[in-house]
Protein backbone atom coordinates (compact mmCIF):
# COMPACT_ATOMS: atom_id res chain seq x y z
CA ASP A 1 109.26 105.73 123.35
CA GLY A 2 110.12 102.08 122.84
CA VAL A 3 109.79 98.91 124.87
CA TYR A 4 110.38 98.72 128.61
CA HIS A 5 110.99 95.69 130.84
CA SER A 6 110.42 95.12 134.55
CA ALA A 7 112.04 92.22 136.40
CA ASP A 8 110.50 93.08 139.78
CA GLY A 9 106.76 93.09 139.21
CA GLY A 10 106.66 96.69 137.99
CA GLU A 11 108.58 98.40 140.80
CA THR A 12 111.29 99.53 138.37
CA TRP A 13 111.52 99.61 134.59
CA ARG A 14 114.42 99.45 132.10
CA HIS A 15 114.22 100.88 128.56
CA LEU A 16 115.24 98.20 126.09
CA GLY A 17 117.48 98.90 123.10
CA GLU A 18 116.51 101.28 120.31
CA LEU A 19 114.33 99.58 117.71
CA GLY A 20 115.53 101.54 114.67
CA GLU A 21 117.26 104.59 113.29
CA THR A 22 114.77 107.30 114.28
CA PRO A 23 112.67 108.08 117.38
CA PHE A 24 109.54 107.06 115.44
CA HIS A 25 110.92 103.53 115.20
CA GLY A 26 110.17 103.43 118.96
CA ASP A 27 106.49 104.35 118.42
CA ILE A 28 105.09 100.95 119.43
CA HIS A 29 101.79 99.94 117.82
CA GLY A 30 101.76 96.21 118.59
CA LEU A 31 103.66 93.84 120.82
CA ALA A 32 103.76 90.04 120.88
CA LEU A 33 105.85 87.23 122.29
CA ARG A 34 106.67 84.17 120.20
CA ARG A 35 108.32 80.93 121.18
CA SER A 36 109.82 79.24 118.14
CA ARG A 37 109.55 75.49 117.62
CA SER A 38 113.15 75.21 118.85
CA GLY A 39 112.12 76.89 122.11
CA ASP A 40 113.80 80.26 121.51
CA ALA A 41 111.85 83.30 122.70
CA GLU A 42 111.29 86.28 120.41
CA LEU A 43 109.91 89.69 121.26
CA LEU A 44 108.04 91.30 118.33
CA ALA A 45 107.09 94.98 118.09
CA THR A 46 105.34 96.84 115.27
CA THR A 47 105.85 100.55 114.63
CA PRO A 48 104.95 102.98 111.82
CA TYR A 49 107.97 101.65 109.89
CA GLY A 50 107.59 97.89 110.20
CA LEU A 51 108.43 95.01 112.51
CA ALA A 52 111.27 94.84 115.04
CA THR A 53 112.35 91.45 116.40
CA SER A 54 114.58 90.68 119.37
CA THR A 55 115.91 87.28 120.39
CA ASP A 56 118.02 88.62 123.29
CA ARG A 57 115.32 90.10 125.54
CA GLY A 58 115.37 93.47 123.79
CA ASP A 59 119.10 94.21 123.98
CA SER A 60 119.26 94.32 120.17
CA TRP A 61 116.68 94.34 117.39
CA SER A 62 116.50 93.22 113.77
CA TRP A 63 114.28 95.19 111.44
CA ARG A 64 111.75 94.30 108.74
CA SER A 65 109.94 96.90 106.62
CA PHE A 66 107.00 96.00 104.40
CA ASP A 67 106.39 97.48 100.95
CA GLY A 68 104.16 100.52 100.57
CA PHE A 69 101.02 100.84 98.43
CA ASP A 70 100.30 102.08 94.93
CA LYS A 71 97.77 104.61 96.24
CA GLY A 72 97.54 106.57 99.46
CA SER A 73 100.33 108.32 101.32
CA GLY A 74 103.11 107.53 98.88
CA ASN A 75 105.31 106.13 101.67
CA PRO A 76 107.72 103.49 100.32
CA TYR A 77 106.96 101.37 103.40
CA ALA A 78 103.74 100.09 104.99
CA TYR A 79 102.51 101.76 108.16
CA CYS A 80 102.17 98.82 110.59
CA ARG A 81 99.72 98.36 113.46
CA GLY A 82 99.03 95.13 115.34
CA ILE A 83 100.92 91.87 115.27
CA PHE A 84 99.42 88.47 115.92
CA VAL A 85 101.05 85.08 116.53
CA ALA A 86 98.73 82.11 116.02
CA PRO A 87 98.30 80.35 119.38
CA ASP A 88 98.34 76.89 117.79
CA ASP A 89 101.21 77.57 115.34
CA PRO A 90 104.10 79.81 116.47
CA ASP A 91 105.41 79.91 112.89
CA THR A 92 102.28 81.77 111.72
CA MET A 93 102.44 85.52 112.27
CA LEU A 94 100.24 88.29 110.84
CA VAL A 95 100.81 92.06 110.77
CA GLY A 96 98.05 94.56 109.98
CA CYS A 97 99.24 97.49 107.89
CA GLY A 98 98.20 100.27 105.56
CA ASP A 99 99.34 103.42 103.84
CA TYR A 100 99.03 105.74 106.89
CA ILE A 101 96.67 107.01 109.67
CA PRO A 102 93.80 106.12 109.32
CA GLY A 103 94.78 105.30 105.78
CA ARG A 104 93.01 104.93 102.46
CA THR A 105 94.10 101.34 101.87
CA GLY A 106 95.48 98.46 103.88
CA ALA A 107 96.66 94.87 103.88
CA ILE A 108 97.72 91.97 106.05
CA GLU A 109 101.26 90.64 105.92
CA VAL A 110 101.50 86.90 106.68
CA SER A 111 104.42 84.63 107.53
CA HIS A 112 104.10 80.87 107.92
CA ASP A 113 107.80 80.28 108.62
CA GLY A 114 108.39 82.28 111.80
CA GLY A 115 109.06 85.56 110.00
CA ALA A 116 111.72 84.35 107.56
CA THR A 117 109.48 85.25 104.61
CA TRP A 118 106.32 87.35 104.33
CA GLU A 119 103.49 87.53 101.81
CA ARG A 120 100.60 89.92 101.36
CA PRO A 121 97.51 87.77 100.65
CA MET A 122 95.01 88.90 98.07
CA LEU A 123 91.88 89.69 100.06
CA PRO A 124 88.41 89.46 98.50
CA ALA A 125 88.09 93.26 98.81
CA THR A 126 90.69 96.00 99.16
CA PRO A 127 90.78 97.15 102.80
CA ASN A 128 89.30 100.66 103.05
CA SER A 129 91.93 101.81 105.58
CA THR A 130 94.87 100.52 107.56
CA VAL A 131 94.16 97.12 109.14
CA TYR A 132 94.39 98.00 112.83
CA TRP A 133 93.10 95.01 114.78
CA MET A 134 93.34 91.22 114.71
CA ALA A 135 92.02 88.59 117.07
CA THR A 136 91.67 84.86 117.50
CA HIS A 137 90.10 82.45 119.95
CA PRO A 138 91.92 79.40 121.38
CA GLY A 139 88.77 77.31 120.91
CA LEU A 140 88.71 78.07 117.17
CA PRO A 141 92.12 77.04 115.81
CA GLY A 142 93.00 78.76 112.56
CA ARG A 143 90.32 81.46 112.77
CA VAL A 144 91.64 84.99 112.50
CA VAL A 145 89.49 88.11 112.42
CA ALA A 146 90.95 91.43 111.23
CA ALA A 147 89.30 94.85 111.07
CA THR A 148 89.96 98.20 109.44
CA VAL A 149 89.40 101.62 110.97
CA PHE A 150 86.32 102.15 108.80
CA GLY A 151 84.58 98.93 109.78
CA GLN A 152 85.54 96.27 107.27
CA VAL A 153 85.99 92.87 108.92
CA PHE A 154 88.00 90.07 107.32
CA THR A 155 88.00 86.48 108.57
CA SER A 156 90.15 83.49 107.78
CA GLU A 157 89.45 79.92 108.83
CA ASP A 158 93.01 78.80 108.08
CA ALA A 159 95.21 81.39 109.85
CA GLY A 160 95.59 83.64 106.83
CA GLN A 161 96.67 81.12 104.22
CA ILE A 162 97.38 83.10 101.08
CA GLY A 163 94.38 83.70 98.86
CA ARG A 164 91.84 82.13 101.20
CA ALA A 165 90.56 85.03 103.30
CA HIS A 166 86.88 86.07 103.38
CA VAL A 167 85.25 89.44 103.87
């Protein structure tokens, strides 16, 4: 149903602006906060259709869809799950995606410029489903771990630099 905000410790909640054109654009799969190098705050939300970004506390949203896959559901867009912002580099963002639920194939979308551009790195094996989860640890800068529904685990030691992921 979208993103909600409370300014009073959870006593009351306000529905933020619509994320996209259809009700399914409000089907939130991942949520992250990002502070740009200039200090601006961004709210990031992933849905089945892509990534919504707000720089005005959710009053308005910009939209980013990712390309679909050659095999699988046939959707022209990628079905997105979690979003991750590298704790040591706010310009590095990763989105797990795939062709559908649970999906027959997946990928990771990576941006190293705060979301201005995105690339889909070539992984050492094709993900066997949508990439649902990603994690990091503050004590291990650059390490990202991503997992598919069917148990594949991908790791990167350099925050998802293109072409350098391991399985």
